[in-house]
Amino acid sequence: MNRLLLAMVIVAAASPCPAQPIDESKLLDLSYSFGRDTIYWPTAKAFTLDPVAHGRTPGGYWYAANDFAAAEHGGTHTDAPIHFAEGQTSVDELPLGAGIGPIVRVDVSGKAALDRDYRLAIADLKDWEQQYGRIPRGAIVVMYSGWGVRWPDRKRYLGTDVPGDVANLHFPGFSKEAVEFLVNEREIDAIGVDTASIDHGPSKDFPVHRTIGAANKPAFENLANLDRIPPTGATLIALPMKIAGGSGGPTRAIALLP
């Protein structure tokens, strides 16, 4: 190979490949909009949007701006590890990759239809592995319970629509044993649910929150459209609001479908 040809090969190898356009047909929104109907924990501050300006200015141009306020934990959001684990990572300290990874979607919708307080068990994870192979290291395991069809009906989604009522909450979640298995035996990066909490509704001591938090891993709650992603092959991108010292925050979550 002569020197000129060698130089051309080196230049070609060093040149960056042109960026490939994203196939937007493979992008799926997993987030609910934030507004007056957004579901929050019964004791939490709801989302409010206060208009500051919305119209033509004296100068003749259009101007719109609003003030908003809400609790950290409501709607589609991230639970940072510090939410239930002292000394662990706050939401602004989460690495960007903490919410990016292969989705393992475990379907327990049939069981949840029979038991609204169902807890995803190790057996459900083993059943998934029998069909699709071992849960990969770094996976984000999401529970699909079918609860999304109940949004935004608070009574059907939470079990109660009474402000402050935490005695009558009913919805599925993970079991503590399943999360311990995922953290210790499968080394997953995060978990997520299509319900209001990774702990099932009647929980009073939140063992799943405490377990995932102690492992310094985040969780994603109130994910939308989980019925539209496959059991394996999709990628989650979940980026929370970067609240300094926050225990969590509103999140835009999307799936990149295979």
Protein backbone atom coordinates (compact mmCIF):
# COMPACT_ATOMS: atom_id res chain seq x y z
CA MET A 1 0.00 0.00 0.00
CA ASN A 2 1.58 3.35 -1.03
CA ARG A 3 1.83 6.26 1.38
CA LEU A 4 -0.94 8.28 -0.30
CA LEU A 5 -3.40 5.40 -0.12
CA LEU A 6 -2.41 4.68 3.49
CA ALA A 7 -2.99 8.32 4.40
CA MET A 8 -6.44 8.22 2.77
CA VAL A 9 -7.39 5.09 4.74
CA ILE A 10 -6.25 6.67 8.01
CA VAL A 11 -8.21 9.87 7.33
CA ALA A 12 -11.33 7.91 6.41
CA ALA A 13 -11.07 5.78 9.57
CA ALA A 14 -10.60 8.85 11.75
CA SER A 15 -13.49 10.80 10.24
CA PRO A 16 -16.73 10.67 12.24
CA CYS A 17 -19.60 8.81 10.65
CA PRO A 18 -22.49 11.03 9.61
CA ALA A 19 -25.24 11.16 12.21
CA GLN A 20 -28.16 8.86 11.51
CA PRO A 21 -31.68 10.29 11.82
CA ILE A 22 -33.83 8.88 14.58
CA ASP A 23 -36.76 6.77 13.43
CA GLU A 24 -39.51 8.69 15.21
CA SER A 25 -41.96 5.85 14.65
CA LYS A 26 -39.96 3.90 17.26
CA LEU A 27 -40.25 6.57 19.95
CA LEU A 28 -43.00 6.05 22.53
CA ASP A 29 -43.94 8.55 25.22
CA LEU A 30 -44.17 6.92 28.64
CA SER A 31 -45.12 10.12 30.48
CA TYR A 32 -48.41 11.68 31.48
CA SER A 33 -48.90 15.41 30.98
CA PHE A 34 -48.85 17.57 34.10
CA GLY A 35 -52.08 19.46 34.69
CA ARG A 36 -55.13 19.70 36.90
CA ASP A 37 -55.90 15.99 36.43
CA THR A 38 -52.44 14.73 37.35
CA ILE A 39 -52.60 12.16 40.15
CA TYR A 40 -50.54 12.80 43.27
CA TRP A 41 -50.28 10.98 46.58
CA PRO A 42 -53.35 11.91 48.66
CA THR A 43 -51.24 13.93 51.10
CA ALA A 44 -49.13 15.71 48.46
CA LYS A 45 -49.47 19.15 46.91
CA ALA A 46 -51.13 18.89 43.51
CA PHE A 47 -49.83 20.48 40.33
CA THR A 48 -50.86 24.10 39.81
CA LEU A 49 -50.27 26.30 36.79
CA ASP A 50 -50.76 30.04 37.26
CA PRO A 51 -50.75 32.19 34.11
CA VAL A 52 -48.42 35.18 34.20
CA ALA A 53 -49.06 36.37 30.66
CA HIS A 54 -50.99 35.04 27.70
CA GLY A 55 -51.61 37.45 24.89
CA ARG A 56 -50.36 40.33 22.81
CA THR A 57 -48.00 42.78 24.44
CA PRO A 58 -48.23 46.57 23.98
CA GLY A 59 -45.43 46.09 21.47
CA GLY A 60 -47.67 43.90 19.33
CA TYR A 61 -45.88 40.57 19.76
CA TRP A 62 -47.19 37.43 21.44
CA TYR A 63 -45.97 36.51 24.94
CA ALA A 64 -46.98 33.57 27.17
CA ALA A 65 -45.51 32.53 30.53
CA ASN A 66 -46.72 30.66 33.61
CA ASP A 67 -45.71 29.85 37.16
CA PHE A 68 -46.06 26.23 38.26
CA ALA A 69 -45.78 24.41 41.58
CA ALA A 70 -46.10 20.79 42.64
CA ALA A 71 -44.82 18.09 44.94
CA GLU A 72 -41.76 16.16 43.74
CA HIS A 73 -43.66 12.87 43.74
CA GLY A 74 -46.66 12.88 41.43
CA GLY A 75 -47.50 12.19 37.84
CA THR A 76 -44.73 10.43 35.93
CA HIS A 77 -41.74 10.92 38.18
CA THR A 78 -38.48 9.58 39.53
CA ASP A 79 -37.85 8.44 43.09
CA ALA A 80 -34.22 9.17 43.93
CA PRO A 81 -32.52 6.77 46.35
CA ILE A 82 -32.51 9.41 49.12
CA HIS A 83 -36.33 9.34 49.09
CA PHE A 84 -36.25 6.37 51.51
CA ALA A 85 -32.54 5.84 52.21
CA GLU A 86 -30.55 8.25 54.36
CA GLY A 87 -27.27 9.39 52.85
CA GLN A 88 -28.00 8.04 49.37
CA THR A 89 -28.10 9.88 46.04
CA SER A 90 -30.42 12.84 45.47
CA VAL A 91 -32.14 13.34 42.14
CA ASP A 92 -29.64 15.91 40.84
CA GLU A 93 -26.76 13.57 41.68
CA LEU A 94 -28.12 10.63 39.68
CA PRO A 95 -25.82 9.74 36.78
CA LEU A 96 -27.40 10.35 33.37
CA GLY A 97 -27.22 6.64 32.70
CA ALA A 98 -29.29 5.78 35.77
CA GLY A 99 -32.49 6.17 33.76
CA ILE A 100 -31.20 4.80 30.46
CA GLY A 101 -31.13 1.10 29.80
CA PRO A 102 -32.82 -1.98 28.35
CA ILE A 103 -36.41 -2.44 29.48
CA VAL A 104 -37.55 -5.74 30.94
CA ARG A 105 -41.34 -5.54 31.01
CA VAL A 106 -42.96 -8.07 33.32
CA ASP A 107 -46.67 -8.47 32.65
CA VAL A 108 -48.74 -9.15 35.77
CA SER A 109 -51.92 -7.55 34.41
CA GLY A 110 -53.88 -10.80 34.60
CA LYS A 111 -52.99 -11.32 38.26
CA ALA A 112 -53.61 -7.65 39.07
CA ALA A 113 -57.07 -7.88 37.52
CA LEU A 114 -57.89 -10.55 40.10
CA ASP A 115 -56.07 -8.91 43.01
CA ARG A 116 -55.77 -5.12 42.98
CA ASP A 117 -53.13 -5.31 45.73
CA TYR A 118 -50.96 -7.81 43.85
CA ARG A 119 -47.21 -7.75 44.44
CA LEU A 120 -44.90 -8.83 41.64
CA ALA A 121 -43.07 -11.93 42.91
CA ILE A 122 -39.81 -13.70 42.18
CA ALA A 123 -41.89 -16.35 40.41
CA ASP A 124 -43.07 -13.71 37.92
CA LEU A 125 -39.44 -12.83 37.18
CA LYS A 126 -38.50 -16.48 36.75
CA ASP A 127 -41.46 -16.97 34.40
CA TRP A 128 -40.20 -14.02 32.34
CA GLU A 129 -36.72 -15.53 32.20
CA GLN A 130 -38.07 -18.88 31.06
CA GLN A 131 -39.52 -17.16 27.99
CA TYR A 132 -36.92 -14.49 27.23
CA GLY A 133 -33.67 -15.48 28.94
CA ARG A 134 -31.81 -14.18 31.96
CA ILE A 135 -32.59 -10.59 32.98
CA PRO A 136 -29.51 -8.67 31.82
CA ARG A 137 -27.23 -6.75 34.13
CA GLY A 138 -28.07 -3.05 33.97
CA ALA A 139 -31.69 -3.67 32.98
CA ILE A 140 -34.58 -1.46 34.06
CA VAL A 141 -37.35 -3.79 35.17
CA VAL A 142 -40.86 -2.39 34.85
CA MET A 143 -44.06 -3.91 36.14
CA TYR A 144 -46.98 -3.79 33.72
CA SER A 145 -50.20 -4.14 35.72
CA GLY A 146 -52.64 -2.60 33.25
CA TRP A 147 -53.37 0.25 35.68
CA GLY A 148 -52.85 2.86 32.98
CA VAL A 149 -56.41 2.42 31.71
CA ARG A 150 -57.59 3.87 35.04
CA TRP A 151 -55.70 7.16 34.65
CA PRO A 152 -56.76 9.91 35.53
CA ASP A 153 -59.64 8.52 37.61
CA ARG A 154 -58.22 8.90 41.12
CA LYS A 155 -60.70 6.53 42.74
CA ARG A 156 -60.00 3.71 40.30
CA TYR A 157 -56.27 4.39 40.09
CA LEU A 158 -55.52 4.92 43.79
CA GLY A 159 -58.47 3.23 45.45
CA THR A 160 -59.59 6.55 46.94
CA ASP A 161 -60.20 10.07 45.73
CA VAL A 162 -60.40 11.62 49.19
CA PRO A 163 -57.60 14.14 49.88
CA GLY A 164 -55.36 12.94 52.68
CA ASP A 165 -56.79 9.40 52.69
CA VAL A 166 -53.92 6.93 52.78
CA ALA A 167 -55.91 4.21 54.59
CA ASN A 168 -57.77 3.06 51.47
CA LEU A 169 -55.06 2.89 48.83
CA HIS A 170 -55.26 -0.12 46.52
CA PHE A 171 -53.01 -0.82 43.52
CA PRO A 172 -50.31 -3.36 42.58
CA GLY A 173 -46.59 -3.01 43.21
CA PHE A 174 -43.37 -4.98 43.59
CA SER A 175 -42.68 -7.37 46.46
CA LYS A 176 -39.64 -6.77 48.64
CA GLU A 177 -38.33 -10.24 47.79
CA ALA A 178 -38.53 -9.58 44.04
CA VAL A 179 -36.56 -6.35 44.35
CA GLU A 180 -33.93 -7.99 46.56
CA PHE A 181 -33.57 -10.67 43.88
CA LEU A 182 -33.24 -8.09 41.12
CA VAL A 183 -30.68 -6.02 43.01
CA ASN A 184 -28.56 -8.86 44.39
CA GLU A 185 -28.94 -11.63 41.82
CA ARG A 186 -29.46 -9.71 38.57
CA GLU A 187 -27.71 -6.38 39.27
CA ILE A 188 -30.43 -4.28 37.64
CA ASP A 189 -30.13 -0.49 37.43
CA ALA A 190 -33.69 0.60 38.26
CA ILE A 191 -37.33 -0.45 38.51
CA GLY A 192 -40.56 1.15 37.35
CA VAL A 193 -44.32 0.78 37.59
CA ASP A 194 -47.52 1.91 35.87
CA THR A 195 -49.07 2.61 39.29
CA ALA A 196 -48.66 5.30 41.93
CA SER A 197 -45.98 3.47 43.90
CA ILE A 198 -43.44 0.68 43.61
CA ASP A 199 -44.90 -0.57 46.92
CA HIS A 200 -48.44 -1.90 46.65
CA GLY A 201 -51.25 0.35 47.88
CA PRO A 202 -51.86 -1.05 51.39
CA SER A 203 -48.17 -0.86 52.35
CA LYS A 204 -47.47 1.07 55.55
CA ASP A 205 -43.68 0.62 55.84
CA PHE A 206 -42.64 0.79 52.14
CA PRO A 207 -40.09 -2.06 52.05
CA VAL A 208 -39.62 -1.82 48.28
CA HIS A 209 -38.73 1.87 48.46
CA ARG A 210 -36.32 1.16 51.28
CA THR A 211 -34.71 -1.76 49.44
CA ILE A 212 -34.17 -0.01 46.11
CA GLY A 213 -33.06 3.16 47.90
CA ALA A 214 -30.52 1.29 50.04
CA ALA A 215 -29.10 -0.15 46.80
CA ASN A 216 -28.71 3.47 45.62
CA LYS A 217 -30.89 2.90 42.57
CA PRO A 218 -33.81 5.02 41.31
CA ALA A 219 -37.40 4.03 40.60
CA PHE A 220 -39.95 5.40 38.15
CA GLU A 221 -43.63 5.66 39.03
CA ASN A 222 -46.79 6.39 37.04
CA LEU A 223 -45.26 5.29 33.74
CA ALA A 224 -47.71 5.49 30.85
CA ASN A 225 -48.28 3.27 27.81
CA LEU A 226 -46.55 0.17 29.14
CA ASP A 227 -49.09 -1.87 27.20
CA ARG A 228 -47.38 -0.68 24.01
CA ILE A 229 -43.85 -1.88 24.72
CA PRO A 230 -42.61 -5.44 24.20
CA PRO A 231 -41.40 -7.70 27.02
CA THR A 232 -37.82 -7.20 25.84
CA GLY A 233 -35.93 -5.20 23.22
CA ALA A 234 -36.97 -1.63 24.08
CA THR A 235 -34.74 0.99 25.69
CA LEU A 236 -35.86 3.40 28.41
CA ILE A 237 -34.73 7.01 28.55
CA ALA A 238 -36.03 8.64 31.74
CA LEU A 239 -34.66 12.08 32.69
CA PRO A 240 -35.99 13.74 35.85
CA MET A 241 -36.01 17.44 36.62
CA LYS A 242 -32.62 18.24 38.15
CA ILE A 243 -33.75 19.53 41.54
CA ALA A 244 -30.78 20.33 43.77
CA GLY A 245 -30.96 18.02 46.79
CA GLY A 246 -34.32 16.67 45.60
CA SER A 247 -35.77 13.34 46.67
CA GLY A 248 -37.31 12.96 43.21
CA GLY A 249 -38.87 14.96 40.45
CA PRO A 250 -41.18 15.11 37.44
CA THR A 251 -39.77 13.01 34.61
CA ARG A 252 -40.06 12.80 30.85
CA ALA A 253 -39.75 9.12 30.09
CA ILE A 254 -39.65 7.65 26.60
CA ALA A 255 -39.06 4.23 25.13
CA LEU A 256 -37.04 3.52 22.01
CA LEU A 257 -38.79 0.52 20.50
CA PRO A 258 -36.88 -2.23 18.70
